Amino acid sequence: MRCAFNAVHEAWPIAGDFRIARGSKRWADVVVVTVAQDGAVGAGECVPYARYGESVRGCIDELRKFLGRRRRLPTREELIASMPAGAGRNALDCALVDLEAALTGRPAWEVLELPEPVQVQTALTLSLDTPEAMARAVERPWPLLKCKLGGDDVGADAARLRAVREAAPEARLIVDANESWSVSYLEAMFGPLTEVDVALLEQPLPADADDALVALDAPLPIGADESVHDGLALDALAEKYTVLNLKLDKTGGVTRALAVRDAVRDAGLGVMVGCMVATSLWMLPALLVAQGARFVDLDGGLLLRGDRVRGVEYGTGTAAWPRKSCWGGDLGR
């Protein structure tokens, strides 16, 4: 009897138009993987990302090819050894953790040999827009804001920063350029960034051009996102960045993400745990990785018109594990 599994595409409407320097979208396209054994079911979610050569169709085909020829489900160790890191491996890895939790009656953090998770402070992402619109998006006193900026007009980006700072004078600010800046643009932005006291600048240069950061005397911490994947070159990254943004789809699952997180800390670098625009089925495994992280950006469920039932419990600036979660329970919408 072959292993029981399924991989399906779901589209979740985003609240408004989510825009970054690379483009915009109105729907969160996710792939949900379910695995079953002895009457128990586990589920995981991923977001195939075109930036890394992924697609929904390609992800589903990869998973079906990998699982369809097996007579039993792989262990998580076998999965990491035999499937490349990426969105599909993330969804399957998280589904295997969830299945083990369901079979043993233990919570996911015990399956992963972790302490029970505590509430963390999470950023709220402000989509790239006009200065006025980004200021209006600060609806309440959120303590950590992540501002998406462009790379085509220094004056416009500076105006966006000033507008957000005026609307949120007490908030810590993260700026995310999504690889859209050149070295000269970055140097021109140092003044506006320090003027509003930005706490972290995330991935200003393209990943294949970030060696320029080695010789740059930056006046604020710079974090890596697109430059960080499963295969870590920590010595090289440490010459350019002080914080590394770990995402489950890039590490290929929560199991590998925990090991990468520990390696990053051992190397003396700061840990950030970020997310894609997705539901709480994606966010909850990441919340386990985010324990003790320097920066957390797990607001994906807040960016949707509606999240899964019994998902992440969001407060003003916080994310907490729900008393009864969708990870290990009803995946209803």
Protein backbone atom coordinates (compact mmCIF):
# COMPACT_ATOMS: atom_id res chain seq x y z
CA MET A 1 0.00 0.00 0.00
CA ARG A 2 1.46 3.33 -1.06
CA CYS A 3 1.63 6.24 1.34
CA ALA A 4 -1.47 8.41 1.56
CA PHE A 5 -0.90 12.05 0.64
CA ASN A 6 -2.33 14.97 -1.27
CA ALA A 7 -1.03 18.30 -2.52
CA VAL A 8 -3.47 21.01 -3.60
CA HIS A 9 -3.43 24.67 -4.59
CA GLU A 10 -5.41 27.20 -2.55
CA ALA A 11 -5.84 30.89 -3.32
CA TRP A 12 -6.51 33.26 -0.42
CA PRO A 13 -7.55 36.88 -1.11
CA ILE A 14 -5.22 39.54 0.25
CA ALA A 15 -6.65 42.57 2.02
CA GLY A 16 -5.96 45.16 -0.67
CA ASP A 17 -3.05 45.19 -3.09
CA PHE A 18 0.20 43.84 -1.58
CA ARG A 19 3.04 45.59 -3.37
CA ILE A 20 6.81 45.35 -3.10
CA ALA A 21 9.57 46.65 -5.37
CA ARG A 22 9.39 43.41 -7.39
CA GLY A 23 5.66 43.61 -8.14
CA SER A 24 2.19 43.34 -6.61
CA LYS A 25 -0.48 40.72 -6.02
CA ARG A 26 -4.01 40.38 -4.67
CA TRP A 27 -4.03 36.65 -3.90
CA ALA A 28 -1.86 34.42 -1.77
CA ASP A 29 -1.30 31.23 -3.78
CA VAL A 30 -0.32 28.43 -1.42
CA VAL A 31 0.20 24.69 -1.73
CA VAL A 32 -1.22 22.57 1.08
CA VAL A 33 0.19 19.09 1.64
CA THR A 34 -1.65 16.49 3.70
CA VAL A 35 -0.27 13.10 4.73
CA ALA A 36 -2.22 10.33 6.43
CA GLN A 37 -1.36 7.24 8.44
CA ASP A 38 -3.37 5.01 10.81
CA GLY A 39 -6.34 7.36 10.73
CA ALA A 40 -4.29 10.46 11.58
CA VAL A 41 -3.68 13.38 9.22
CA GLY A 42 -0.91 15.97 9.12
CA ALA A 43 -0.81 19.15 7.05
CA GLY A 44 1.71 21.76 5.95
CA GLU A 45 1.66 24.83 3.73
CA CYS A 46 4.15 26.52 1.43
CA VAL A 47 4.31 29.42 -1.03
CA PRO A 48 6.15 28.60 -4.27
CA TYR A 49 8.05 31.75 -5.25
CA ALA A 50 8.91 32.71 -8.82
CA ARG A 51 12.00 34.60 -7.57
CA TYR A 52 13.52 31.19 -6.83
CA GLY A 53 12.24 29.49 -9.98
CA GLU A 54 9.22 27.93 -8.26
CA SER A 55 5.57 27.71 -9.33
CA VAL A 56 2.42 26.19 -7.86
CA ARG A 57 2.20 23.60 -10.64
CA GLY A 58 5.87 22.74 -10.45
CA CYS A 59 5.72 22.38 -6.66
CA ILE A 60 2.73 20.03 -6.78
CA ASP A 61 4.34 17.95 -9.54
CA GLU A 62 7.59 17.70 -7.54
CA LEU A 63 5.74 16.51 -4.44
CA ARG A 64 3.64 13.96 -6.31
CA LYS A 65 6.70 12.60 -8.09
CA PHE A 66 8.63 12.35 -4.82
CA LEU A 67 5.83 10.71 -2.82
CA GLY A 68 4.07 8.76 -5.54
CA ARG A 69 6.85 6.22 -5.94
CA ARG A 70 7.10 5.46 -2.20
CA ARG A 71 5.39 2.68 -0.33
CA ARG A 72 5.69 4.54 2.97
CA LEU A 73 6.07 8.10 4.12
CA PRO A 74 9.68 9.25 4.55
CA THR A 75 11.04 10.24 7.91
CA ARG A 76 11.99 13.90 8.22
CA GLU A 77 15.66 12.91 8.11
CA GLU A 78 15.10 10.94 4.89
CA LEU A 79 13.20 13.89 3.42
CA ILE A 80 16.03 16.34 4.05
CA ALA A 81 18.58 13.89 2.61
CA SER A 82 16.64 13.09 -0.56
CA MET A 83 14.66 16.20 -1.57
CA PRO A 84 16.21 19.62 -2.28
CA ALA A 85 15.38 22.57 -0.07
CA GLY A 86 12.47 24.64 -1.27
CA ALA A 87 8.80 25.34 -0.82
CA GLY A 88 7.61 21.79 -1.49
CA ARG A 89 9.98 20.25 1.05
CA ASN A 90 8.81 22.79 3.61
CA ALA A 91 5.16 21.85 3.25
CA LEU A 92 5.93 18.13 3.43
CA ASP A 93 8.30 18.48 6.39
CA CYS A 94 5.71 20.46 8.36
CA ALA A 95 3.02 17.91 7.43
CA LEU A 96 5.22 15.10 8.77
CA VAL A 97 5.71 16.97 12.06
CA ASP A 98 1.97 17.52 12.27
CA LEU A 99 1.27 13.86 11.53
CA GLU A 100 3.64 12.72 14.27
CA ALA A 101 1.91 15.08 16.68
CA ALA A 102 -1.48 13.63 15.74
CA LEU A 103 -0.27 10.03 16.03
CA THR A 104 1.39 10.50 19.41
CA GLY A 105 -0.99 13.02 20.97
CA ARG A 106 1.88 15.43 21.62
CA PRO A 107 2.03 19.09 20.57
CA ALA A 108 4.28 19.97 17.65
CA TRP A 109 6.91 21.63 19.83
CA GLU A 110 7.37 18.42 21.81
CA VAL A 111 7.76 16.43 18.60
CA LEU A 112 10.56 18.87 17.68
CA GLU A 113 12.00 18.66 21.24
CA LEU A 114 11.37 22.34 21.93
CA PRO A 115 9.91 24.18 24.92
CA GLU A 116 6.35 25.43 24.69
CA PRO A 117 6.36 28.60 22.56
CA VAL A 118 5.74 32.00 24.10
CA GLN A 119 4.24 35.11 22.58
CA VAL A 120 6.61 37.06 20.31
CA GLN A 121 6.62 40.59 18.98
CA THR A 122 5.96 40.60 15.25
CA ALA A 123 6.32 43.28 12.62
CA LEU A 124 3.35 44.62 10.67
CA THR A 125 4.23 45.02 6.99
CA LEU A 126 3.35 48.24 5.19
CA SER A 127 2.98 47.59 1.47
CA LEU A 128 4.85 49.86 -0.96
CA ASP A 129 2.57 52.81 -1.72
CA THR A 130 2.41 56.59 -1.59
CA PRO A 131 3.66 58.26 1.61
CA GLU A 132 0.09 59.17 2.54
CA ALA A 133 -1.23 55.64 2.04
CA MET A 134 1.60 54.07 4.01
CA ALA A 135 0.99 56.48 6.87
CA ARG A 136 -2.73 55.65 6.84
CA ALA A 137 -1.87 51.94 7.06
CA VAL A 138 -0.51 52.54 10.57
CA GLU A 139 -3.94 52.12 12.11
CA ARG A 140 -2.84 51.51 15.69
CA PRO A 141 0.34 51.88 17.75
CA TRP A 142 2.16 48.82 16.38
CA PRO A 143 5.59 48.60 18.05
CA LEU A 144 7.46 47.13 15.04
CA LEU A 145 6.73 48.15 11.45
CA LYS A 146 8.25 46.80 8.25
CA CYS A 147 8.23 49.31 5.39
CA LYS A 148 8.45 48.09 1.83
CA LEU A 149 10.36 50.61 -0.28
CA GLY A 150 11.09 50.91 -4.00
CA GLY A 151 14.34 51.67 -5.73
CA ASP A 152 13.49 54.16 -8.42
CA ASP A 153 13.33 57.49 -6.56
CA VAL A 154 15.32 58.39 -3.45
CA GLY A 155 13.07 61.35 -2.73
CA ALA A 156 9.94 59.22 -2.88
CA ASP A 157 11.40 56.52 -0.62
CA ALA A 158 12.60 59.17 1.85
CA ALA A 159 9.13 60.72 1.87
CA ARG A 160 7.58 57.33 2.60
CA LEU A 161 9.91 56.86 5.56
CA ARG A 162 9.18 60.29 6.99
CA ALA A 163 5.43 59.77 6.64
CA VAL A 164 5.55 56.43 8.45
CA ARG A 165 7.76 57.84 11.20
CA GLU A 166 5.37 60.76 11.72
CA ALA A 167 2.44 58.35 11.95
CA ALA A 168 4.33 56.01 14.32
CA PRO A 169 6.85 58.07 16.30
CA GLU A 170 7.53 55.32 18.88
CA ALA A 171 7.75 52.29 16.58
CA ARG A 172 10.90 50.45 15.63
CA LEU A 173 11.24 50.39 11.85
CA ILE A 174 12.50 47.73 9.44
CA VAL A 175 13.01 48.73 5.82
CA ASP A 176 12.82 46.05 3.11
CA ALA A 177 14.04 46.97 -0.37
CA ASN A 178 13.67 43.46 -1.87
CA GLU A 179 16.93 43.67 -3.86
CA SER A 180 15.83 46.83 -5.68
CA TRP A 181 18.70 49.20 -4.84
CA SER A 182 22.09 49.86 -6.38
CA VAL A 183 25.14 50.74 -4.31
CA SER A 184 24.79 54.44 -5.17
CA TYR A 185 21.08 54.35 -4.28
CA LEU A 186 21.89 52.67 -0.97
CA GLU A 187 24.48 55.31 -0.12
CA ALA A 188 22.00 58.06 -1.00
CA MET A 189 19.45 56.46 1.36
CA PHE A 190 21.77 56.33 4.38
CA GLY A 191 20.73 59.85 5.40
CA PRO A 192 16.93 59.24 5.25
CA LEU A 193 17.34 55.85 6.96
CA THR A 194 19.29 57.24 9.91
CA GLU A 195 17.09 60.35 10.09
CA VAL A 196 14.10 58.24 11.11
CA ASP A 197 16.21 55.77 13.14
CA VAL A 198 15.64 52.60 11.10
CA ALA A 199 16.56 49.53 13.17
CA LEU A 200 17.27 47.18 10.25
CA LEU A 201 17.67 47.49 6.48
CA GLU A 202 16.76 44.24 4.76
CA GLN A 203 18.29 43.06 1.46
CA PRO A 204 18.99 46.39 -0.26
CA LEU A 205 21.17 44.93 -3.06
CA PRO A 206 20.48 42.00 -5.40
CA ALA A 207 21.74 38.73 -3.96
CA ASP A 208 24.19 38.30 -6.83
CA ALA A 209 25.63 41.79 -6.26
CA ASP A 210 25.84 41.92 -2.48
CA ASP A 211 29.62 41.49 -2.33
CA ALA A 212 29.71 45.29 -2.53
CA LEU A 213 28.53 45.35 1.08
CA VAL A 214 31.91 44.05 2.28
CA ALA A 215 33.61 47.40 1.65
CA LEU A 216 30.61 49.53 2.60
CA ASP A 217 30.63 51.38 5.93
CA ALA A 218 26.92 51.19 6.72
CA PRO A 219 25.54 53.34 9.58
CA LEU A 220 22.85 50.77 10.46
CA PRO A 221 22.46 46.96 10.59
CA ILE A 222 21.86 45.28 7.24
CA GLY A 223 19.99 42.00 7.01
CA ALA A 224 19.99 39.29 4.34
CA ASP A 225 16.86 37.69 2.94
CA GLU A 226 17.21 36.63 -0.70
CA SER A 227 20.91 36.01 -0.04
CA VAL A 228 20.13 33.29 2.55
CA HIS A 229 19.07 29.75 1.64
CA ASP A 230 19.51 26.28 3.01
CA GLY A 231 23.15 25.93 2.01
CA LEU A 232 24.69 28.42 4.41
CA ALA A 233 28.00 30.12 3.77
CA LEU A 234 28.07 31.83 7.14
CA ASP A 235 31.62 33.16 6.95
CA ALA A 236 30.89 34.95 3.68
CA LEU A 237 27.50 36.22 4.87
CA ALA A 238 29.01 37.56 8.10
CA GLU A 239 31.27 39.86 6.07
CA LYS A 240 28.20 41.53 4.55
CA TYR A 241 25.33 41.18 7.00
CA THR A 242 24.62 41.29 10.72
CA VAL A 243 21.17 39.65 10.61
CA LEU A 244 19.92 36.70 8.51
CA ASN A 245 16.23 36.33 7.67
CA LEU A 246 15.21 32.67 7.81
CA LYS A 247 12.06 31.55 6.00
CA LEU A 248 10.73 28.01 6.03
CA ASP A 249 10.30 27.80 2.26
CA LYS A 250 13.97 28.66 1.77
CA THR A 251 15.34 26.27 4.41
CA GLY A 252 12.98 23.55 3.22
CA GLY A 253 11.01 23.05 6.39
CA VAL A 254 10.86 23.64 10.12
CA THR A 255 13.24 20.77 10.89
CA ARG A 256 16.07 22.26 8.86
CA ALA A 257 15.19 25.84 9.90
CA LEU A 258 15.84 25.01 13.55
CA ALA A 259 19.31 23.68 12.71
CA VAL A 260 20.07 26.71 10.54
CA ARG A 261 18.89 29.06 13.28
CA ASP A 262 21.27 27.47 15.77
CA ALA A 263 24.17 27.68 13.30
CA VAL A 264 23.46 31.36 12.67
CA ARG A 265 23.50 32.10 16.39
CA ASP A 266 26.70 30.13 16.89
CA ALA A 267 28.29 32.26 14.18
CA GLY A 268 27.46 35.42 16.16
CA LEU A 269 24.85 36.66 13.69
CA GLY A 270 21.37 37.90 14.53
CA VAL A 271 18.34 35.79 13.63
CA MET A 272 15.27 37.15 11.90
CA VAL A 273 12.34 34.86 11.10
CA GLY A 274 10.19 36.10 8.24
CA CYS A 275 7.24 34.86 6.25
CA MET A 276 5.49 34.82 2.91
CA VAL A 277 1.95 36.09 2.49
CA ALA A 278 0.19 32.92 3.62
CA THR A 279 -2.16 31.53 6.23
CA SER A 280 -1.56 30.47 9.82
CA LEU A 281 -0.81 26.95 8.61
CA TRP A 282 2.45 28.48 7.30
CA MET A 283 2.98 30.82 10.27
CA LEU A 284 2.66 28.38 13.16
CA PRO A 285 5.71 26.22 12.39
CA ALA A 286 7.69 29.44 11.83
CA LEU A 287 6.55 30.69 15.24
CA LEU A 288 8.49 27.82 16.80
CA VAL A 289 11.64 28.89 14.95
CA ALA A 290 11.04 32.52 15.94
CA GLN A 291 11.44 31.92 19.66
CA GLY A 292 14.21 34.23 20.86
CA ALA A 293 14.81 35.77 17.40
CA ARG A 294 16.08 39.34 17.22
CA PHE A 295 13.42 40.29 14.66
CA VAL A 296 10.16 38.48 13.84
CA ASP A 297 7.96 39.14 10.81
CA LEU A 298 5.09 36.64 10.93
CA ASP A 299 2.13 38.84 10.03
CA GLY A 300 1.07 36.86 6.95
CA GLY A 301 -2.34 36.03 8.35
CA LEU A 302 -3.01 39.70 9.05
CA LEU A 303 -2.42 40.58 5.39
CA LEU A 304 -5.27 38.33 4.23
CA ARG A 305 -8.97 39.17 4.13
CA GLY A 306 -9.47 36.13 6.34
CA ASP A 307 -7.18 33.54 7.92
CA ARG A 308 -7.78 29.90 8.79
CA VAL A 309 -9.90 29.20 11.83
CA ARG A 310 -8.00 28.84 15.10
CA GLY A 311 -4.85 30.30 13.62
CA VAL A 312 -2.18 32.55 15.11
CA GLU A 313 -3.55 34.72 17.90
CA TYR A 314 -2.54 38.24 16.95
CA GLY A 315 -2.50 41.13 19.37
CA THR A 316 -1.30 44.67 18.80
CA GLY A 317 2.26 43.86 17.78
CA THR A 318 2.25 40.26 19.01
CA ALA A 319 1.78 36.73 17.70
CA ALA A 320 0.99 33.79 19.97
CA TRP A 321 0.27 30.09 19.66
CA PRO A 322 -3.50 29.48 19.80
CA ARG A 323 -5.02 27.29 22.44
CA LYS A 324 -6.39 25.05 19.67
CA SER A 325 -4.57 25.55 16.42
CA CYS A 326 -5.19 24.80 12.77
CA TRP A 327 -1.82 23.04 12.73
CA GLY A 328 -2.99 19.68 13.95
CA GLY A 329 -6.69 20.45 13.70
CA ASP A 330 -9.42 21.74 11.42
CA LEU A 331 -8.05 23.43 8.30
CA GLY A 332 -11.37 25.16 7.67
CA ARG A 333 -11.50 28.62 6.15
